[in-house]
Every structure is written in C-alpha cells, then in structure tokens.
Amino acid sequence: MKPPRKRTRAAPRIAGYHAHVYYDPAGTKAPAAKLREAIARRFAARLGRWHDRPVGPHPRAMYQVAFAPEVFAALVPWLMLNRGKLTVLVHPETGDAYADHTAHALWLGPPLALDVEFLRRA
C-alpha cells in the first residue's frame, strides 16, 4: 500500500522577474554602467531608469532590470559571475510585492535592509 501523498500549495504564477542593481553614485556608478551596457547587449531585458537616491523600498541608488521567466536561467547565473562588487536583488513578480521582495528574494552579494513597511503600504 502506498503512503498518502502530501498536498502542497500551488506555486504563485511568476509573470516576470526584476533585478535591482545597487550602486554608490560617487563610487560605483561606472561599474554599474558597464554592467548595464553588457546586460543590454546580451539579454532581452527592459532597463529601468537610474535612481541616484533611494526610491520605494530600496535603501540605495539602483536601476532595475525587468525580464521574462524564460530569461532567468541565462541572466541570473551571468549576473552571479559578472556583477563584480555590486549587490543585486533578484525577485519574481507574482502580484505580492511584499513576499516577492522578502520571502521570494535572491541576493547576489551582501543583502541590504529594504524598507518593508513601504512594501506593506503599497
């Protein structure tokens, strides 16, 4: 007799991903720009604006890279190996911004403290 199967919750649908590339405007913007240019050349991704000040839940200057689930397997390992000393947050887009930026997040480099209260209010 087979043991009963455990029921698992269905995973939320992932509509896409964001990578947030953090930099210091006075010190690491040039390497962040080189990384951005390389991403634009190599991947089908939408590059967001430069934010030289903290914006939303993000505690440092950053730009966003938006990409489809099909691009994840190529882009994220490439970022792991090519981000240099930059910190990058990668998260899915499931419709739950709080969980996406916290429980579902992947950090490349040292994690940063996000303004989670901003996410709860959003």
PDB file of N, CA and C in Angstrom:
ATOM      1  N   MET A   1       0.842  -1.177   0.000  1.00  0.00           N
ATOM      2  CA  MET A   1       0.000   0.000   0.000  1.00  0.00           C
ATOM      3  C   MET A   1       0.892   1.247   0.000  1.00  0.00           C
ATOM      4  N   LYS A   2       0.582   2.182  -0.871  1.00  0.00           N
ATOM      5  CA  LYS A   2       1.360   3.408  -0.976  1.00  0.00           C
ATOM      6  C   LYS A   2       0.947   4.388   0.112  1.00  0.00           C
ATOM      7  N   PRO A   3       1.920   5.130   0.664  1.00  0.00           N
ATOM      8  CA  PRO A   3       1.555   6.166   1.647  1.00  0.00           C
ATOM      9  C   PRO A   3       0.806   7.293   0.943  1.00  0.00           C
ATOM     10  N   PRO A   4      -0.093   7.961   1.671  1.00  0.00           N
ATOM     11  CA  PRO A   4      -0.841   9.061   1.037  1.00  0.00           C
ATOM     12  C   PRO A   4       0.103  10.188   0.636  1.00  0.00           C
ATOM     13  N   ARG A   5      -0.217  10.822  -0.461  1.00  0.00           N
ATOM     14  CA  ARG A   5       0.576  11.953  -0.936  1.00  0.00           C
ATOM     15  C   ARG A   5       0.280  13.183  -0.096  1.00  0.00           C
ATOM     16  N   LYS A   6       1.340  13.929   0.164  1.00  0.00           N
ATOM     17  CA  LYS A   6       1.166  15.200   0.869  1.00  0.00           C
ATOM     18  C   LYS A   6       0.663  16.231  -0.122  1.00  0.00           C
ATOM     19  N   ARG A   7      -0.269  17.022   0.320  1.00  0.00           N
ATOM     20  CA  ARG A   7      -0.773  18.105  -0.528  1.00  0.00           C
ATOM     21  C   ARG A   7       0.136  19.312  -0.371  1.00  0.00           C
ATOM     22  N   THR A   8       0.444  19.921  -1.477  1.00  0.00           N
ATOM     23  CA  THR A   8       1.247  21.139  -1.454  1.00  0.00           C
ATOM     24  C   THR A   8       0.441  22.248  -2.100  1.00  0.00           C
ATOM     25  N   ARG A   9       0.731  23.456  -1.643  1.00  0.00           N
ATOM     26  CA  ARG A   9       0.062  24.604  -2.247  1.00  0.00           C
ATOM     27  C   ARG A   9       0.644  24.853  -3.627  1.00  0.00           C
ATOM     28  N   ALA A  10      -0.193  25.275  -4.528  1.00  0.00           N
ATOM     29  CA  ALA A  10       0.288  25.619  -5.864  1.00  0.00           C
ATOM     30  C   ALA A  10       1.176  26.854  -5.768  1.00  0.00           C
ATOM     31  N   ALA A  11       2.252  26.833  -6.498  1.00  0.00           N
ATOM     32  CA  ALA A  11       3.150  27.985  -6.525  1.00  0.00           C
ATOM     33  C   ALA A  11       2.457  29.147  -7.226  1.00  0.00           C
ATOM     34  N   PRO A  12       2.701  30.370  -6.744  1.00  0.00           N
ATOM     35  CA  PRO A  12       2.118  31.517  -7.426  1.00  0.00           C
ATOM     36  C   PRO A  12       2.675  31.620  -8.843  1.00  0.00           C
ATOM     37  N   ARG A  13       1.897  32.149  -9.725  1.00  0.00           N
ATOM     38  CA  ARG A  13       2.342  32.342 -11.100  1.00  0.00           C
ATOM     39  C   ARG A  13       3.375  33.465 -11.137  1.00  0.00           C
ATOM     40  N   ILE A  14       4.488  33.208 -11.774  1.00  0.00           N
ATOM     41  CA  ILE A  14       5.531  34.222 -11.918  1.00  0.00           C
ATOM     42  C   ILE A  14       5.383  34.860 -13.290  1.00  0.00           C
ATOM     43  N   ALA A  15       5.010  36.133 -13.287  1.00  0.00           N
ATOM     44  CA  ALA A  15       4.800  36.863 -14.538  1.00  0.00           C
ATOM     45  C   ALA A  15       6.117  37.356 -15.131  1.00  0.00           C
ATOM     46  N   GLY A  16       7.111  37.543 -14.293  1.00  0.00           N
ATOM     47  CA  GLY A  16       8.409  38.045 -14.731  1.00  0.00           C
ATOM     48  C   GLY A  16       9.316  38.186 -13.529  1.00  0.00           C
ATOM     49  N   TYR A  17      10.471  38.774 -13.765  1.00  0.00           N
ATOM     50  CA  TYR A  17      11.448  38.995 -12.704  1.00  0.00           C
ATOM     51  C   TYR A  17      11.991  40.408 -12.783  1.00  0.00           C
ATOM     52  N   HIS A  18      12.474  40.880 -11.645  1.00  0.00           N
ATOM     53  CA  HIS A  18      13.231  42.129 -11.568  1.00  0.00           C
ATOM     54  C   HIS A  18      14.577  41.829 -10.938  1.00  0.00           C
ATOM     55  N   ALA A  19      15.599  42.471 -11.462  1.00  0.00           N
ATOM     56  CA  ALA A  19      16.905  42.505 -10.803  1.00  0.00           C
ATOM     57  C   ALA A  19      17.160  43.974 -10.492  1.00  0.00           C
ATOM     58  N   HIS A  20      17.476  44.273  -9.259  1.00  0.00           N
ATOM     59  CA  HIS A  20      17.798  45.639  -8.848  1.00  0.00           C
ATOM     60  C   HIS A  20      19.308  45.683  -8.611  1.00  0.00           C
ATOM     61  N   VAL A  21      19.985  46.493  -9.397  1.00  0.00           N
ATOM     62  CA  VAL A  21      21.437  46.622  -9.308  1.00  0.00           C
ATOM     63  C   VAL A  21      21.731  47.863  -8.477  1.00  0.00           C
ATOM     64  N   TYR A  22      22.321  47.668  -7.307  1.00  0.00           N
ATOM     65  CA  TYR A  22      22.610  48.757  -6.382  1.00  0.00           C
ATOM     66  C   TYR A  22      24.020  49.288  -6.620  1.00  0.00           C
ATOM     67  N   TYR A  23      24.168  50.590  -6.458  1.00  0.00           N
ATOM     68  CA  TYR A  23      25.471  51.232  -6.665  1.00  0.00           C
ATOM     69  C   TYR A  23      25.568  52.477  -5.805  1.00  0.00           C
ATOM     70  N   ASP A  24      26.778  52.989  -5.684  1.00  0.00           N
ATOM     71  CA  ASP A  24      27.040  54.247  -4.999  1.00  0.00           C
ATOM     72  C   ASP A  24      27.300  55.281  -6.091  1.00  0.00           C
ATOM     73  N   PRO A  25      26.475  56.337  -6.201  1.00  0.00           N
ATOM     74  CA  PRO A  25      26.657  57.321  -7.267  1.00  0.00           C
ATOM     75  C   PRO A  25      28.065  57.917  -7.318  1.00  0.00           C
ATOM     76  N   ALA A  26      28.710  58.052  -6.171  1.00  0.00           N
ATOM     77  CA  ALA A  26      30.044  58.659  -6.135  1.00  0.00           C
ATOM     78  C   ALA A  26      31.164  57.640  -6.344  1.00  0.00           C
ATOM     79  N   GLY A  27      30.871  56.345  -6.191  1.00  0.00           N
ATOM     80  CA  GLY A  27      31.958  55.384  -6.223  1.00  0.00           C
ATOM     81  C   GLY A  27      31.826  54.223  -7.189  1.00  0.00           C
ATOM     82  N   THR A  28      30.611  53.715  -7.380  1.00  0.00           N
ATOM     83  CA  THR A  28      30.474  52.513  -8.205  1.00  0.00           C
ATOM     84  C   THR A  28      29.491  52.673  -9.363  1.00  0.00           C
ATOM     85  N   LYS A  29      29.196  53.916  -9.731  1.00  0.00           N
ATOM     86  CA  LYS A  29      28.271  54.101 -10.852  1.00  0.00           C
ATOM     87  C   LYS A  29      28.898  53.653 -12.173  1.00  0.00           C
ATOM     88  N   ALA A  30      30.200  53.856 -12.343  1.00  0.00           N
ATOM     89  CA  ALA A  30      30.860  53.439 -13.587  1.00  0.00           C
ATOM     90  C   ALA A  30      30.792  51.918 -13.780  1.00  0.00           C
ATOM     91  N   PRO A  31      31.131  51.105 -12.767  1.00  0.00           N
ATOM     92  CA  PRO A  31      30.967  49.658 -12.954  1.00  0.00           C
ATOM     93  C   PRO A  31      29.504  49.254 -13.158  1.00  0.00           C
ATOM     94  N   ALA A  32      28.587  49.962 -12.498  1.00  0.00           N
ATOM     95  CA  ALA A  32      27.162  49.677 -12.691  1.00  0.00           C
ATOM     96  C   ALA A  32      26.748  49.982 -14.127  1.00  0.00           C
ATOM     97  N   ALA A  33      27.312  51.032 -14.708  1.00  0.00           N
ATOM     98  CA  ALA A  33      27.014  51.393 -16.100  1.00  0.00           C
ATOM     99  C   ALA A  33      27.569  50.343 -17.062  1.00  0.00           C
ATOM    100  N   LYS A  34      28.767  49.854 -16.789  1.00  0.00           N
ATOM    101  CA  LYS A  34      29.348  48.810 -17.644  1.00  0.00           C
ATOM    102  C   LYS A  34      28.508  47.535 -17.585  1.00  0.00           C
ATOM    103  N   LEU A  35      28.049  47.193 -16.389  1.00  0.00           N
ATOM    104  CA  LEU A  35      27.197  46.021 -16.236  1.00  0.00           C
ATOM    105  C   LEU A  35      25.898  46.214 -17.009  1.00  0.00           C
ATOM    106  N   ARG A  36      25.326  47.392 -16.893  1.00  0.00           N
ATOM    107  CA  ARG A  36      24.075  47.714 -17.582  1.00  0.00           C
ATOM    108  C   ARG A  36      24.227  47.586 -19.097  1.00  0.00           C
ATOM    109  N   GLU A  37      25.317  48.125 -19.621  1.00  0.00           N
ATOM    110  CA  GLU A  37      25.574  48.045 -21.066  1.00  0.00           C
ATOM    111  C   GLU A  37      25.726  46.593 -21.508  1.00  0.00           C
ATOM    112  N   ALA A  38      26.393  45.790 -20.723  1.00  0.00           N
ATOM    113  CA  ALA A  38      26.571  44.379 -21.054  1.00  0.00           C
ATOM    114  C   ALA A  38      25.235  43.639 -21.025  1.00  0.00           C
ATOM    115  N   ILE A  39      24.393  43.947 -20.053  1.00  0.00           N
ATOM    116  CA  ILE A  39      23.064  43.331 -19.985  1.00  0.00           C
ATOM    117  C   ILE A  39      22.278  43.693 -21.241  1.00  0.00           C
ATOM    118  N   ALA A  40      22.306  44.960 -21.633  1.00  0.00           N
ATOM    119  CA  ALA A  40      21.562  45.423 -22.811  1.00  0.00           C
ATOM    120  C   ALA A  40      22.023  44.702 -24.081  1.00  0.00           C
ATOM    121  N   ARG A  41      23.307  44.442 -24.188  1.00  0.00           N
ATOM    122  CA  ARG A  41      23.851  43.756 -25.376  1.00  0.00           C
ATOM    123  C   ARG A  41      23.487  42.267 -25.408  1.00  0.00           C
ATOM    124  N   ARG A  42      23.425  41.640 -24.253  1.00  0.00           N
ATOM    125  CA  ARG A  42      23.329  40.180 -24.195  1.00  0.00           C
ATOM    126  C   ARG A  42      21.933  39.607 -23.968  1.00  0.00           C
ATOM    127  N   PHE A  43      21.042  40.390 -23.376  1.00  0.00           N
ATOM    128  CA  PHE A  43      19.784  39.799 -22.925  1.00  0.00           C
ATOM    129  C   PHE A  43      18.566  40.597 -23.373  1.00  0.00           C
ATOM    130  N   ALA A  44      17.461  39.890 -23.518  1.00  0.00           N
ATOM    131  CA  ALA A  44      16.176  40.526 -23.796  1.00  0.00           C
ATOM    132  C   ALA A  44      15.611  40.977 -22.454  1.00  0.00           C
ATOM    133  N   ALA A  45      15.923  42.197 -22.084  1.00  0.00           N
ATOM    134  CA  ALA A  45      15.502  42.738 -20.784  1.00  0.00           C
ATOM    135  C   ALA A  45      15.193  44.219 -20.951  1.00  0.00           C
ATOM    136  N   ARG A  46      14.293  44.718 -20.109  1.00  0.00           N
ATOM    137  CA  ARG A  46      13.983  46.157 -20.080  1.00  0.00           C
ATOM    138  C   ARG A  46      14.787  46.787 -18.955  1.00  0.00           C
ATOM    139  N   LEU A  47      15.530  47.808 -19.302  1.00  0.00           N
ATOM    140  CA  LEU A  47      16.351  48.505 -18.312  1.00  0.00           C
ATOM    141  C   LEU A  47      15.598  49.727 -17.803  1.00  0.00           C
ATOM    142  N   GLY A  48      15.452  49.799 -16.498  1.00  0.00           N
ATOM    143  CA  GLY A  48      14.771  50.930 -15.878  1.00  0.00           C
ATOM    144  C   GLY A  48      15.691  52.129 -15.733  1.00  0.00           C
ATOM    145  N   ARG A  49      15.098  53.224 -15.264  1.00  0.00           N
ATOM    146  CA  ARG A  49      15.855  54.467 -15.065  1.00  0.00           C
ATOM    147  C   ARG A  49      16.885  54.317 -13.958  1.00  0.00           C
ATOM    148  N   TRP A  50      17.885  55.183 -14.021  1.00  0.00           N
ATOM    149  CA  TRP A  50      18.845  55.313 -12.933  1.00  0.00           C
ATOM    150  C   TRP A  50      18.156  56.063 -11.793  1.00  0.00           C
ATOM    151  N   HIS A  51      18.309  55.578 -10.603  1.00  0.00           N
ATOM    152  CA  HIS A  51      17.807  56.256  -9.404  1.00  0.00           C
ATOM    153  C   HIS A  51      19.023  56.493  -8.509  1.00  0.00           C
ATOM    154  N   ASP A  52      19.548  57.713  -8.533  1.00  0.00           N
ATOM    155  CA  ASP A  52      20.746  58.029  -7.750  1.00  0.00           C
ATOM    156  C   ASP A  52      20.454  58.240  -6.273  1.00  0.00           C
ATOM    157  N   ARG A  53      19.201  58.125  -5.890  1.00  0.00           N
ATOM    158  CA  ARG A  53      18.793  58.214  -4.478  1.00  0.00           C
ATOM    159  C   ARG A  53      17.893  57.028  -4.170  1.00  0.00           C
ATOM    160  N   PRO A  54      17.757  56.678  -2.911  1.00  0.00           N
ATOM    161  CA  PRO A  54      16.831  55.599  -2.556  1.00  0.00           C
ATOM    162  C   PRO A  54      15.422  55.900  -3.081  1.00  0.00           C
ATOM    163  N   VAL A  55      14.755  54.865  -3.553  1.00  0.00           N
ATOM    164  CA  VAL A  55      13.401  55.012  -4.071  1.00  0.00           C
ATOM    165  C   VAL A  55      12.596  53.776  -3.654  1.00  0.00           C
ATOM    166  N   GLY A  56      11.341  53.988  -3.281  1.00  0.00           N
ATOM    167  CA  GLY A  56      10.496  52.877  -2.856  1.00  0.00           C
ATOM    168  C   GLY A  56      11.115  52.146  -1.682  1.00  0.00           C
ATOM    169  N   PRO A  57      11.149  50.831  -1.750  1.00  0.00           N
ATOM    170  CA  PRO A  57      11.718  50.067  -0.639  1.00  0.00           C
ATOM    171  C   PRO A  57      13.242  49.951  -0.692  1.00  0.00           C
ATOM    172  N   HIS A  58      13.848  50.514  -1.724  1.00  0.00           N
ATOM    173  CA  HIS A  58      15.275  50.317  -1.959  1.00  0.00           C
ATOM    174  C   HIS A  58      16.115  51.347  -1.213  1.00  0.00           C
ATOM    175  N   PRO A  59      17.061  50.889  -0.381  1.00  0.00           N
ATOM    176  CA  PRO A  59      17.803  51.792   0.507  1.00  0.00           C
ATOM    177  C   PRO A  59      18.995  52.493  -0.139  1.00  0.00           C
ATOM    178  N   ARG A  60      19.298  52.150  -1.374  1.00  0.00           N
ATOM    179  CA  ARG A  60      20.448  52.738  -2.068  1.00  0.00           C
ATOM    180  C   ARG A  60      20.071  53.081  -3.496  1.00  0.00           C
ATOM    181  N   ALA A  61      20.958  53.815  -4.124  1.00  0.00           N
ATOM    182  CA  ALA A  61      20.804  54.102  -5.545  1.00  0.00           C
ATOM    183  C   ALA A  61      20.760  52.773  -6.301  1.00  0.00           C
ATOM    184  N   MET A  62      19.957  52.726  -7.360  1.00  0.00           N
ATOM    185  CA  MET A  62      19.832  51.477  -8.113  1.00  0.00           C
ATOM    186  C   MET A  62      19.170  51.734  -9.450  1.00  0.00           C
ATOM    187  N   TYR A  63      19.264  50.733 -10.313  1.00  0.00           N
ATOM    188  CA  TYR A  63      18.419  50.664 -11.503  1.00  0.00           C
ATOM    189  C   TYR A  63      17.844  49.260 -11.551  1.00  0.00           C
ATOM    190  N   GLN A  64      16.731  49.144 -12.250  1.00  0.00           N
ATOM    191  CA  GLN A  64      16.018  47.875 -12.330  1.00  0.00           C
ATOM    192  C   GLN A  64      16.210  47.252 -13.702  1.00  0.00           C
ATOM    193  N   VAL A  65      16.282  45.947 -13.724  1.00  0.00           N
ATOM    194  CA  VAL A  65      16.305  45.170 -14.960  1.00  0.00           C
ATOM    195  C   VAL A  65      15.096  44.247 -14.897  1.00  0.00           C
ATOM    196  N   ALA A  66      14.156  44.394 -15.826  1.00  0.00           N
ATOM    197  CA  ALA A  66      12.957  43.550 -15.863  1.00  0.00           C
ATOM    198  C   ALA A  66      13.140  42.519 -16.981  1.00  0.00           C
ATOM    199  N   PHE A  67      12.791  41.268 -16.671  1.00  0.00           N
ATOM    200  CA  PHE A  67      12.973  40.228 -17.680  1.00  0.00           C
ATOM    201  C   PHE A  67      11.944  39.113 -17.494  1.00  0.00           C
ATOM    202  N   ALA A  68      11.723  38.376 -18.569  1.00  0.00           N
ATOM    203  CA  ALA A  68      10.741  37.292 -18.600  1.00  0.00           C
ATOM    204  C   ALA A  68      11.294  36.043 -17.919  1.00  0.00           C
ATOM    205  N   PRO A  69      10.410  35.171 -17.455  1.00  0.00           N
ATOM    206  CA  PRO A  69      10.860  33.925 -16.825  1.00  0.00           C
ATOM    207  C   PRO A  69      11.806  33.106 -17.713  1.00  0.00           C
ATOM    208  N   GLU A  70      11.609  33.157 -19.016  1.00  0.00           N
ATOM    209  CA  GLU A  70      12.454  32.383 -19.929  1.00  0.00           C
ATOM    210  C   GLU A  70      13.905  32.868 -19.940  1.00  0.00           C
ATOM    211  N   VAL A  71      14.150  34.088 -19.483  1.00  0.00           N
ATOM    212  CA  VAL A  71      15.485  34.678 -19.500  1.00  0.00           C
ATOM    213  C   VAL A  71      16.248  34.379 -18.206  1.00  0.00           C
ATOM    214  N   PHE A  72      15.520  33.980 -17.157  1.00  0.00           N
ATOM    215  CA  PHE A  72      16.118  33.777 -15.831  1.00  0.00           C
ATOM    216  C   PHE A  72      17.348  32.869 -15.872  1.00  0.00           C
ATOM    217  N   ALA A  73      17.233  31.713 -16.521  1.00  0.00           N
ATOM    218  CA  ALA A  73      18.306  30.708 -16.498  1.00  0.00           C
ATOM    219  C   ALA A  73      19.603  31.195 -17.136  1.00  0.00           C
ATOM    220  N   ALA A  74      19.522  32.169 -18.014  1.00  0.00           N
ATOM    221  CA  ALA A  74      20.728  32.722 -18.628  1.00  0.00           C
ATOM    222  C   ALA A  74      21.211  33.972 -17.898  1.00  0.00           C
ATOM    223  N   LEU A  75      20.290  34.870 -17.555  1.00  0.00           N
ATOM    224  CA  LEU A  75      20.669  36.160 -16.982  1.00  0.00           C
ATOM    225  C   LEU A  75      21.179  36.054 -15.545  1.00  0.00           C
ATOM    226  N   VAL A  76      20.495  35.320 -14.695  1.00  0.00           N
ATOM    227  CA  VAL A  76      20.871  35.299 -13.275  1.00  0.00           C
ATOM    228  C   VAL A  76      22.243  34.658 -13.059  1.00  0.00           C
ATOM    229  N   PRO A  77      22.551  33.508 -13.654  1.00  0.00           N
ATOM    230  CA  PRO A  77      23.920  32.994 -13.489  1.00  0.00           C
ATOM    231  C   PRO A  77      24.970  33.947 -14.063  1.00  0.00           C
ATOM    232  N   TRP A  78      24.645  34.621 -15.160  1.00  0.00           N
ATOM    233  CA  TRP A  78      25.575  35.596 -15.725  1.00  0.00           C
ATOM    234  C   TRP A  78      25.810  36.740 -14.728  1.00  0.00           C
ATOM    235  N   LEU A  79      24.728  37.220 -14.101  1.00  0.00           N
ATOM    236  CA  LEU A  79      24.877  38.264 -13.086  1.00  0.00           C
ATOM    237  C   LEU A  79      25.735  37.783 -11.920  1.00  0.00           C
ATOM    238  N   MET A  80      25.562  36.541 -11.512  1.00  0.00           N
ATOM    239  CA  MET A  80      26.355  35.982 -10.408  1.00  0.00           C
ATOM    240  C   MET A  80      27.847  36.113 -10.689  1.00  0.00           C
ATOM    241  N   LEU A  81      28.226  35.886 -11.926  1.00  0.00           N
ATOM    242  CA  LEU A  81      29.637  35.857 -12.294  1.00  0.00           C
ATOM    243  C   LEU A  81      30.177  37.198 -12.777  1.00  0.00           C
ATOM    244  N   ASN A  82      29.285  38.145 -13.094  1.00  0.00           N
ATOM    245  CA  ASN A  82      29.727  39.389 -13.718  1.00  0.00           C
ATOM    246  C   ASN A  82      29.351  40.654 -12.963  1.00  0.00           C
ATOM    247  N   ARG A  83      28.762  40.547 -11.786  1.00  0.00           N
ATOM    248  CA  ARG A  83      28.310  41.722 -11.044  1.00  0.00           C
ATOM    249  C   ARG A  83      29.451  42.465 -10.363  1.00  0.00           C
ATOM    250  N   GLY A  84      30.639  41.854 -10.325  1.00  0.00           N
ATOM    251  CA  GLY A  84      31.759  42.473  -9.624  1.00  0.00           C
ATOM    252  C   GLY A  84      31.437  42.598  -8.150  1.00  0.00           C
ATOM    253  N   LYS A  85      31.634  43.802  -7.591  1.00  0.00           N
ATOM    254  CA  LYS A  85      31.358  44.038  -6.165  1.00  0.00           C
ATOM    255  C   LYS A  85      29.973  44.634  -5.939  1.00  0.00           C
ATOM    256  N   LEU A  86      29.167  44.729  -6.979  1.00  0.00           N
ATOM    257  CA  LEU A  86      27.824  45.299  -6.847  1.00  0.00           C
ATOM    258  C   LEU A  86      26.882  44.287  -6.199  1.00  0.00           C
ATOM    259  N   THR A  87      25.963  44.788  -5.407  1.00  0.00           N
ATOM    260  CA  THR A  87      24.912  43.954  -4.837  1.00  0.00           C
ATOM    261  C   THR A  87      23.708  43.997  -5.768  1.00  0.00           C
ATOM    262  N   VAL A  88      23.105  42.831  -5.967  1.00  0.00           N
ATOM    263  CA  VAL A  88      21.945  42.717  -6.852  1.00  0.00           C
ATOM    264  C   VAL A  88      20.849  41.943  -6.123  1.00  0.00           C
ATOM    265  N   LEU A  89      19.637  42.473  -6.163  1.00  0.00           N
ATOM    266  CA  LEU A  89      18.457  41.785  -5.652  1.00  0.00           C
ATOM    267  C   LEU A  89      17.686  41.258  -6.855  1.00  0.00           C
ATOM    268  N   VAL A  90      17.378  39.973  -6.855  1.00  0.00           N
ATOM    269  CA  VAL A  90      16.553  39.363  -7.903  1.00  0.00           C
ATOM    270  C   VAL A  90      15.279  38.873  -7.229  1.00  0.00           C
ATOM    271  N   HIS A  91      14.133  39.224  -7.801  1.00  0.00           N
ATOM    272  CA  HIS A  91      12.868  38.748  -7.228  1.00  0.00           C
ATOM    273  C   HIS A  91      11.836  38.516  -8.322  1.00  0.00           C
ATOM    274  N   PRO A  92      10.893  37.613  -8.050  1.00  0.00           N
ATOM    275  CA  PRO A  92       9.831  37.363  -9.015  1.00  0.00           C
ATOM    276  C   PRO A  92       8.757  38.437  -8.930  1.00  0.00           C
ATOM    277  N   GLU A  93       7.920  38.448  -9.926  1.00  0.00           N
ATOM    278  CA  GLU A  93       6.735  39.302  -9.944  1.00  0.00           C
ATOM    279  C   GLU A  93       5.524  38.375  -9.887  1.00  0.00           C
ATOM    280  N   THR A  94       4.964  38.214  -8.677  1.00  0.00           N
ATOM    281  CA  THR A  94       3.812  37.319  -8.502  1.00  0.00           C
ATOM    282  C   THR A  94       2.526  38.081  -8.189  1.00  0.00           C
ATOM    283  N   GLY A  95       2.648  39.382  -7.986  1.00  0.00           N
ATOM    284  CA  GLY A  95       1.496  40.164  -7.558  1.00  0.00           C
ATOM    285  C   GLY A  95       1.504  40.461  -6.073  1.00  0.00           C
ATOM    286  N   ASP A  96       2.433  39.885  -5.344  1.00  0.00           N
ATOM    287  CA  ASP A  96       2.574  40.133  -3.912  1.00  0.00           C
ATOM    288  C   ASP A  96       3.944  40.777  -3.686  1.00  0.00           C
ATOM    289  N   ALA A  97       3.997  42.097  -3.778  1.00  0.00           N
ATOM    290  CA  ALA A  97       5.269  42.829  -3.721  1.00  0.00           C
ATOM    291  C   ALA A  97       6.029  42.551  -2.427  1.00  0.00           C
ATOM    292  N   TYR A  98       5.311  42.442  -1.319  1.00  0.00           N
ATOM    293  CA  TYR A  98       5.984  42.175  -0.042  1.00  0.00           C
ATOM    294  C   TYR A  98       6.710  40.826  -0.082  1.00  0.00           C
ATOM    295  N   ALA A  99       5.997  39.773  -0.411  1.00  0.00           N
ATOM    296  CA  ALA A  99       6.613  38.437  -0.456  1.00  0.00           C
ATOM    297  C   ALA A  99       7.694  38.363  -1.534  1.00  0.00           C
ATOM    298  N   ASP A 100       7.454  39.011  -2.665  1.00  0.00           N
ATOM    299  CA  ASP A 100       8.440  38.971  -3.753  1.00  0.00           C
ATOM    300  C   ASP A 100       9.774  39.568  -3.328  1.00  0.00           C
ATOM    301  N   HIS A 101       9.735  40.673  -2.579  1.00  0.00           N
ATOM    302  CA  HIS A 101      10.969  41.357  -2.161  1.00  0.00           C
ATOM    303  C   HIS A 101      11.582  40.772  -0.887  1.00  0.00           C
ATOM    304  N   THR A 102      10.855  39.883  -0.201  1.00  0.00           N
ATOM    305  CA  THR A 102      11.362  39.331   1.061  1.00  0.00           C
ATOM    306  C   THR A 102      11.498  37.810   0.959  1.00  0.00           C
ATOM    307  N   ALA A 103      10.423  37.087   1.114  1.00  0.00           N
ATOM    308  CA  ALA A 103      10.465  35.621   1.157  1.00  0.00           C
ATOM    309  C   ALA A 103      10.946  34.995  -0.143  1.00  0.00           C
ATOM    310  N   HIS A 104      10.649  35.618  -1.271  1.00  0.00           N
ATOM    311  CA  HIS A 104      10.997  35.036  -2.569  1.00  0.00           C
ATOM    312  C   HIS A 104      12.260  35.638  -3.179  1.00  0.00           C
ATOM    313  N   ALA A 105      12.953  36.482  -2.451  1.00  0.00           N
ATOM    314  CA  ALA A 105      14.095  37.228  -2.997  1.00  0.00           C
ATOM    315  C   ALA A 105      15.376  36.397  -3.020  1.00  0.00           C
ATOM    316  N   LEU A 106      16.209  36.725  -3.983  1.00  0.00           N
ATOM    317  CA  LEU A 106      17.536  36.130  -4.123  1.00  0.00           C
ATOM    318  C   LEU A 106      18.543  37.276  -4.140  1.00  0.00           C
ATOM    319  N   TRP A 107      19.527  37.235  -3.243  1.00  0.00           N
ATOM    320  CA  TRP A 107      20.537  38.281  -3.162  1.00  0.00           C
ATOM    321  C   TRP A 107      21.846  37.794  -3.756  1.00  0.00           C
ATOM    322  N   LEU A 108      22.438  38.611  -4.603  1.00  0.00           N
ATOM    323  CA  LEU A 108      23.784  38.382  -5.123  1.00  0.00           C
ATOM    324  C   LEU A 108      24.647  39.444  -4.464  1.00  0.00           C
ATOM    325  N   GLY A 109      25.530  39.035  -3.594  1.00  0.00           N
ATOM    326  CA  GLY A 109      26.289  39.976  -2.783  1.00  0.00           C
ATOM    327  C   GLY A 109      25.597  40.173  -1.450  1.00  0.00           C
ATOM    328  N   PRO A 110      26.132  41.060  -0.624  1.00  0.00           N
ATOM    329  CA  PRO A 110      25.556  41.261   0.704  1.00  0.00           C
ATOM    330  C   PRO A 110      24.122  41.800   0.627  1.00  0.00           C
ATOM    331  N   PRO A 111      23.185  41.184   1.351  1.00  0.00           N
ATOM    332  CA  PRO A 111      21.805  41.688   1.351  1.00  0.00           C
ATOM    333  C   PRO A 111      21.716  43.065   1.996  1.00  0.00           C
ATOM    334  N   LEU A 112      20.772  43.847   1.530  1.00  0.00           N
ATOM    335  CA  LEU A 112      20.511  45.173   2.079  1.00  0.00           C
ATOM    336  C   LEU A 112      19.182  45.148   2.821  1.00  0.00           C
ATOM    337  N   ALA A 113      19.025  46.023   3.775  1.00  0.00           N
ATOM    338  CA  ALA A 113      17.767  46.129   4.516  1.00  0.00           C
ATOM    339  C   ALA A 113      16.784  46.964   3.696  1.00  0.00           C
ATOM    340  N   LEU A 114      15.765  46.322   3.184  1.00  0.00           N
ATOM    341  CA  LEU A 114      14.736  47.027   2.415  1.00  0.00           C
ATOM    342  C   LEU A 114      13.749  47.692   3.369  1.00  0.00           C
ATOM    343  N   ASP A 115      13.066  48.702   2.877  1.00  0.00           N
ATOM    344  CA  ASP A 115      12.004  49.365   3.646  1.00  0.00           C
ATOM    345  C   ASP A 115      10.739  48.523   3.471  1.00  0.00           C
ATOM    346  N   VAL A 116      10.615  47.468   4.288  1.00  0.00           N
ATOM    347  CA  VAL A 116       9.489  46.566   4.145  1.00  0.00           C
ATOM    348  C   VAL A 116       8.172  47.235   4.503  1.00  0.00           C
ATOM    349  N   GLU A 117       8.194  48.260   5.327  1.00  0.00           N
ATOM    350  CA  GLU A 117       6.952  48.981   5.626  1.00  0.00           C
ATOM    351  C   GLU A 117       6.403  49.647   4.368  1.00  0.00           C
ATOM    352  N   PHE A 118       7.289  50.152   3.519  1.00  0.00           N
ATOM    353  CA  PHE A 118       6.855  50.708   2.232  1.00  0.00           C
ATOM    354  C   PHE A 118       6.113  49.631   1.434  1.00  0.00           C
ATOM    355  N   LEU A 119       6.649  48.420   1.428  1.00  0.00           N
ATOM    356  CA  LEU A 119       6.025  47.337   0.678  1.00  0.00           C
ATOM    357  C   LEU A 119       4.672  46.951   1.273  1.00  0.00           C
ATOM    358  N   ARG A 120       4.558  46.976   2.580  1.00  0.00           N
ATOM    359  CA  ARG A 120       3.275  46.644   3.214  1.00  0.00           C
ATOM    360  C   ARG A 120       2.214  47.669   2.888  1.00  0.00           C
ATOM    361  N   ARG A 121       2.639  48.924   2.748  1.00  0.00           N
ATOM    362  CA  ARG A 121       1.684  50.000   2.437  1.00  0.00           C
ATOM    363  C   ARG A 121       1.279  49.992   0.957  1.00  0.00           C
ATOM    364  N   ALA A 122       2.149  49.439   0.107  1.00  0.00           N
ATOM    365  CA  ALA A 122       1.925  49.508  -1.344  1.00  0.00           C
ATOM    366  C   ALA A 122       0.773  48.615  -1.779  1.00  0.00           C
TER     367      ALA A 122
END
